[in-house]
Amino acid sequence: EDAAASAALTGAIIDSMADGLAVLDERGQVQMRNPAAERLFGGHISRTGAVAPSRHYGLFHLDGTPVADHDLPYARALAGEEVTDVDLAVRNPGVPDGRVLQIRATALDGLAGGRRAVVLFHDVTAERRHRDELANFAGVVAHDLQNPLTAMQGWTESAVDALQQIPADPMLAEAESALLRAQRAGTRMRDLIDDLLTYTTARDSALQTAPVDLGRIVTDIAAARADA
């Protein structure tokens, strides 16, 4: 009775989850699937008890290319690959506008009946749309800032060149110092714009680490504070 009550509780929890959950065996047989998994695929699921080809579900990579059957998350997990936070798009008659699912798949070993794959589906459509909008906004802002910044830097350079043709004067040195500060601020702004553009084009690219010169960063921060 305790085992039955525990199983019933587990089943109720799984069925009430907002995220989709499916368990599949090595033959591709669906051993368990909660209602959320069916809902996230727009009800467009296999009715045979086995995983259907990828095209049946309307699965695509985010670049629009169809997902190959051997590239399905459960198949990759059963092949020994670690599948974490993979974004795939679902587009079928049940989801005509498309939906982005973040998928995780884990292989379970040492169980009676052979290996199994546990697959979790999380709807990230709104999050990805918001992120894309922010990235597009960053790109537009960065491009719009380029023109006035280029003009400002060009005119300050011209002003510095013109001042160098004037005989030395205390006020002249102060003016040159102010213009040089403006040039340094412009350089920092240019770096910020370049970073925004890089972020916009990077999107979902793999993170690449690189050494950072902390001394140069601290020096630049100190100079910026002094100029301000």
Protein backbone atom coordinates (compact mmCIF):
# COMPACT_ATOMS: atom_id res chain seq x y z
CA GLU A 1 0.00 0.00 0.00
CA ASP A 2 2.86 2.37 0.81
CA ALA A 3 4.52 1.57 -2.54
CA ALA A 4 1.24 2.17 -4.39
CA ALA A 5 0.69 5.47 -2.58
CA SER A 6 4.26 6.58 -3.36
CA ALA A 7 3.84 5.64 -7.03
CA ALA A 8 0.55 7.52 -7.18
CA LEU A 9 2.15 10.62 -5.66
CA THR A 10 5.08 10.44 -8.08
CA GLY A 11 2.69 10.07 -11.00
CA ALA A 12 0.60 13.02 -9.84
CA ILE A 13 3.71 15.22 -9.52
CA ILE A 14 4.97 14.26 -12.97
CA ASP A 15 1.56 14.85 -14.54
CA SER A 16 1.26 18.30 -12.93
CA MET A 17 4.68 19.50 -14.14
CA ALA A 18 4.76 22.47 -16.53
CA ASP A 19 7.86 21.00 -18.18
CA GLY A 20 7.58 18.01 -20.45
CA LEU A 21 9.06 14.68 -19.36
CA ALA A 22 9.54 11.52 -21.39
CA VAL A 23 11.35 8.24 -20.74
CA LEU A 24 12.50 6.15 -23.70
CA ASP A 25 14.34 2.86 -24.00
CA GLU A 26 17.13 1.87 -26.36
CA ARG A 27 14.65 0.77 -29.03
CA GLY A 28 13.01 4.16 -29.04
CA GLN A 29 9.91 2.95 -27.21
CA VAL A 30 8.21 5.62 -25.12
CA GLN A 31 7.88 4.17 -21.64
CA MET A 32 6.41 7.27 -20.05
CA ARG A 33 5.30 10.72 -21.16
CA ASN A 34 3.55 13.38 -19.13
CA PRO A 35 0.74 15.63 -20.42
CA ALA A 36 3.07 18.64 -20.65
CA ALA A 37 5.29 16.81 -23.17
CA GLU A 38 2.27 16.23 -25.38
CA ARG A 39 1.11 19.83 -24.97
CA LEU A 40 4.52 21.33 -25.82
CA PHE A 41 4.49 19.42 -29.11
CA GLY A 42 0.99 20.68 -29.87
CA GLY A 43 -0.46 17.20 -29.38
CA HIS A 44 1.50 16.10 -32.44
CA ILE A 45 3.11 13.00 -30.96
CA SER A 46 3.61 9.39 -31.96
CA ARG A 47 0.62 7.13 -31.30
CA THR A 48 2.50 3.89 -31.91
CA GLY A 49 4.40 3.84 -28.62
CA ALA A 50 7.70 4.41 -30.42
CA VAL A 51 9.54 7.61 -31.28
CA ALA A 52 8.54 8.83 -34.75
CA PRO A 53 11.00 10.36 -37.23
CA SER A 54 12.04 13.93 -36.46
CA ARG A 55 9.97 15.35 -39.33
CA HIS A 56 6.80 13.98 -37.71
CA TYR A 57 7.26 16.37 -34.77
CA GLY A 58 8.48 19.25 -36.92
CA LEU A 59 11.80 19.59 -35.11
CA PHE A 60 14.32 22.10 -36.40
CA HIS A 61 17.59 23.61 -35.28
CA LEU A 62 17.34 27.35 -34.62
CA ASP A 63 19.02 28.06 -37.96
CA GLY A 64 16.07 26.39 -39.69
CA THR A 65 17.70 23.08 -40.66
CA PRO A 66 15.72 19.93 -39.82
CA VAL A 67 16.95 17.77 -36.95
CA ALA A 68 18.30 14.42 -38.15
CA ASP A 69 16.89 11.34 -36.45
CA HIS A 70 20.28 10.36 -35.04
CA ASP A 71 20.60 13.88 -33.62
CA LEU A 72 17.47 13.62 -31.47
CA PRO A 73 18.42 14.35 -27.83
CA TYR A 74 17.36 10.93 -26.51
CA ALA A 75 19.45 9.15 -29.19
CA ARG A 76 22.48 11.30 -28.38
CA ALA A 77 22.10 10.57 -24.65
CA LEU A 78 21.84 6.81 -25.24
CA ALA A 79 24.96 7.06 -27.43
CA GLY A 80 26.86 8.35 -24.39
CA GLU A 81 26.73 12.06 -25.15
CA GLU A 82 25.90 14.67 -22.53
CA VAL A 83 22.89 16.63 -23.75
CA THR A 84 22.21 19.76 -21.71
CA ASP A 85 20.26 22.89 -22.60
CA VAL A 86 19.88 22.22 -26.32
CA ASP A 87 17.48 24.63 -28.03
CA LEU A 88 15.28 23.15 -30.77
CA ALA A 89 12.33 24.69 -32.60
CA VAL A 90 9.03 22.84 -32.96
CA ARG A 91 6.77 23.73 -35.87
CA ASN A 92 3.86 21.52 -36.88
CA PRO A 93 0.08 21.84 -37.41
CA GLY A 94 -0.40 21.82 -33.64
CA VAL A 95 2.17 24.62 -33.18
CA PRO A 96 1.80 26.70 -36.37
CA ASP A 97 3.61 29.74 -34.95
CA GLY A 98 6.51 27.63 -33.71
CA ARG A 99 7.88 27.07 -30.24
CA VAL A 100 11.45 26.93 -28.89
CA LEU A 101 12.15 24.11 -26.46
CA GLN A 102 15.21 23.79 -24.27
CA ILE A 103 15.92 20.08 -24.00
CA ARG A 104 17.99 17.97 -21.63
CA ALA A 105 18.52 14.25 -22.00
CA THR A 106 20.19 11.90 -19.52
CA ALA A 107 20.94 8.20 -19.90
CA LEU A 108 20.04 5.88 -17.02
CA ASP A 109 22.16 2.73 -16.68
CA GLY A 110 21.90 -0.34 -14.51
CA LEU A 111 18.12 -0.63 -14.67
CA ALA A 112 16.09 -3.74 -15.34
CA GLY A 113 15.14 -3.84 -18.98
CA GLY A 114 18.26 -2.04 -20.27
CA ARG A 115 19.30 1.57 -20.65
CA ARG A 116 16.80 4.37 -20.78
CA ALA A 117 16.91 8.06 -21.58
CA VAL A 118 15.08 10.67 -19.52
CA VAL A 119 14.24 13.74 -21.61
CA LEU A 120 13.07 17.08 -20.19
CA PHE A 121 11.42 19.79 -22.33
CA HIS A 122 11.21 23.41 -21.18
CA ASP A 123 9.42 26.11 -23.19
CA VAL A 124 11.80 29.05 -23.67
CA THR A 125 9.98 30.73 -26.57
CA ALA A 126 9.26 33.97 -24.71
CA GLU A 127 12.74 34.10 -23.19
CA ARG A 128 14.46 33.61 -26.55
CA ARG A 129 12.22 36.18 -28.23
CA HIS A 130 13.02 38.71 -25.49
CA ARG A 131 16.74 37.96 -25.76
CA ASP A 132 16.66 38.36 -29.54
CA GLU A 133 14.84 41.67 -29.22
CA LEU A 134 17.48 42.93 -26.78
CA ALA A 135 20.27 41.78 -29.09
CA ASN A 136 18.64 43.48 -32.09
CA PHE A 137 18.16 46.64 -30.04
CA ALA A 138 21.83 46.57 -29.03
CA GLY A 139 22.84 46.24 -32.67
CA VAL A 140 20.62 49.14 -33.81
CA VAL A 141 21.80 51.40 -31.00
CA ALA A 142 25.44 50.57 -31.67
CA HIS A 143 25.13 51.36 -35.37
CA ASP A 144 23.23 54.60 -34.67
CA LEU A 145 25.97 55.72 -32.28
CA GLN A 146 28.76 55.11 -34.77
CA ASN A 147 28.09 58.17 -36.97
CA PRO A 148 27.98 60.90 -34.29
CA LEU A 149 30.93 59.30 -32.50
CA THR A 150 32.99 59.26 -35.70
CA ALA A 151 32.15 62.92 -36.28
CA MET A 152 33.07 63.85 -32.71
CA GLN A 153 36.40 62.06 -32.89
CA GLY A 154 37.19 63.59 -36.26
CA TRP A 155 36.46 67.15 -35.13
CA THR A 156 38.43 66.79 -31.89
CA GLU A 157 41.43 65.54 -33.88
CA SER A 158 41.09 68.55 -36.19
CA ALA A 159 40.87 70.87 -33.18
CA VAL A 160 44.02 69.37 -31.63
CA ASP A 161 45.88 69.79 -34.94
CA ALA A 162 44.72 73.42 -35.19
CA LEU A 163 45.77 74.24 -31.63
CA GLN A 164 49.27 72.90 -32.28
CA GLN A 165 49.72 75.66 -34.86
CA ILE A 166 49.09 78.39 -32.24
CA PRO A 167 51.97 79.79 -30.12
CA ALA A 168 52.26 78.34 -26.63
CA ASP A 169 49.85 79.76 -24.09
CA PRO A 170 48.57 78.55 -20.67
CA MET A 171 44.99 78.56 -21.96
CA LEU A 172 46.13 76.62 -25.04
CA ALA A 173 47.56 73.82 -22.90
CA GLU A 174 44.27 73.58 -21.00
CA ALA A 175 42.30 73.39 -24.24
CA GLU A 176 44.57 70.64 -25.58
CA SER A 177 44.18 68.70 -22.34
CA ALA A 178 40.38 68.95 -22.58
CA LEU A 179 40.40 67.76 -26.17
CA LEU A 180 42.65 64.81 -25.32
CA ARG A 181 40.23 63.82 -22.57
CA ALA A 182 37.40 64.00 -25.06
CA GLN A 183 39.39 61.77 -27.43
CA ARG A 184 39.97 59.20 -24.70
CA ALA A 185 36.26 59.22 -23.85
CA GLY A 186 35.51 58.70 -27.53
CA THR A 187 37.86 55.72 -27.64
CA ARG A 188 36.13 54.16 -24.64
CA MET A 189 32.77 54.73 -26.30
CA ARG A 190 34.05 53.12 -29.49
CA ASP A 191 35.15 50.08 -27.50
CA LEU A 192 31.71 49.86 -25.90
CA ILE A 193 29.99 50.02 -29.30
CA ASP A 194 32.30 47.34 -30.68
CA ASP A 195 31.46 45.13 -27.71
CA LEU A 196 27.73 45.66 -28.29
CA LEU A 197 28.10 44.71 -31.95
CA THR A 198 30.15 41.64 -31.04
CA TYR A 199 27.50 40.57 -28.52
CA THR A 200 24.75 41.06 -31.10
CA THR A 201 26.45 38.89 -33.71
CA ALA A 202 27.60 36.25 -31.21
CA ARG A 203 24.07 35.15 -30.22
CA ASP A 204 24.34 31.46 -29.32
CA SER A 205 28.00 30.96 -30.21
CA ALA A 206 30.10 28.89 -27.83
CA LEU A 207 31.76 30.82 -25.03
CA GLN A 208 35.48 31.28 -25.57
CA THR A 209 37.67 32.31 -22.65
CA ALA A 210 40.71 34.53 -23.03
CA PRO A 211 43.29 36.05 -20.67
CA VAL A 212 42.42 39.54 -19.43
CA ASP A 213 45.04 42.19 -18.65
CA LEU A 214 43.70 43.45 -15.30
CA GLY A 215 46.43 46.07 -15.08
CA ARG A 216 45.29 47.66 -18.34
CA ILE A 217 41.66 47.57 -17.22
CA VAL A 218 42.43 49.24 -13.89
CA THR A 219 44.56 51.88 -15.63
CA ASP A 220 41.75 52.62 -18.06
CA ILE A 221 39.20 52.89 -15.25
CA ALA A 222 41.49 55.24 -13.32
CA ALA A 223 42.01 57.40 -16.41
CA ALA A 224 38.27 57.52 -17.06
CA ARG A 225 37.59 58.62 -13.47
CA ALA A 226 40.32 61.26 -13.70
CA ASP A 227 38.93 62.56 -17.02
CA ALA A 228 35.45 62.77 -15.49
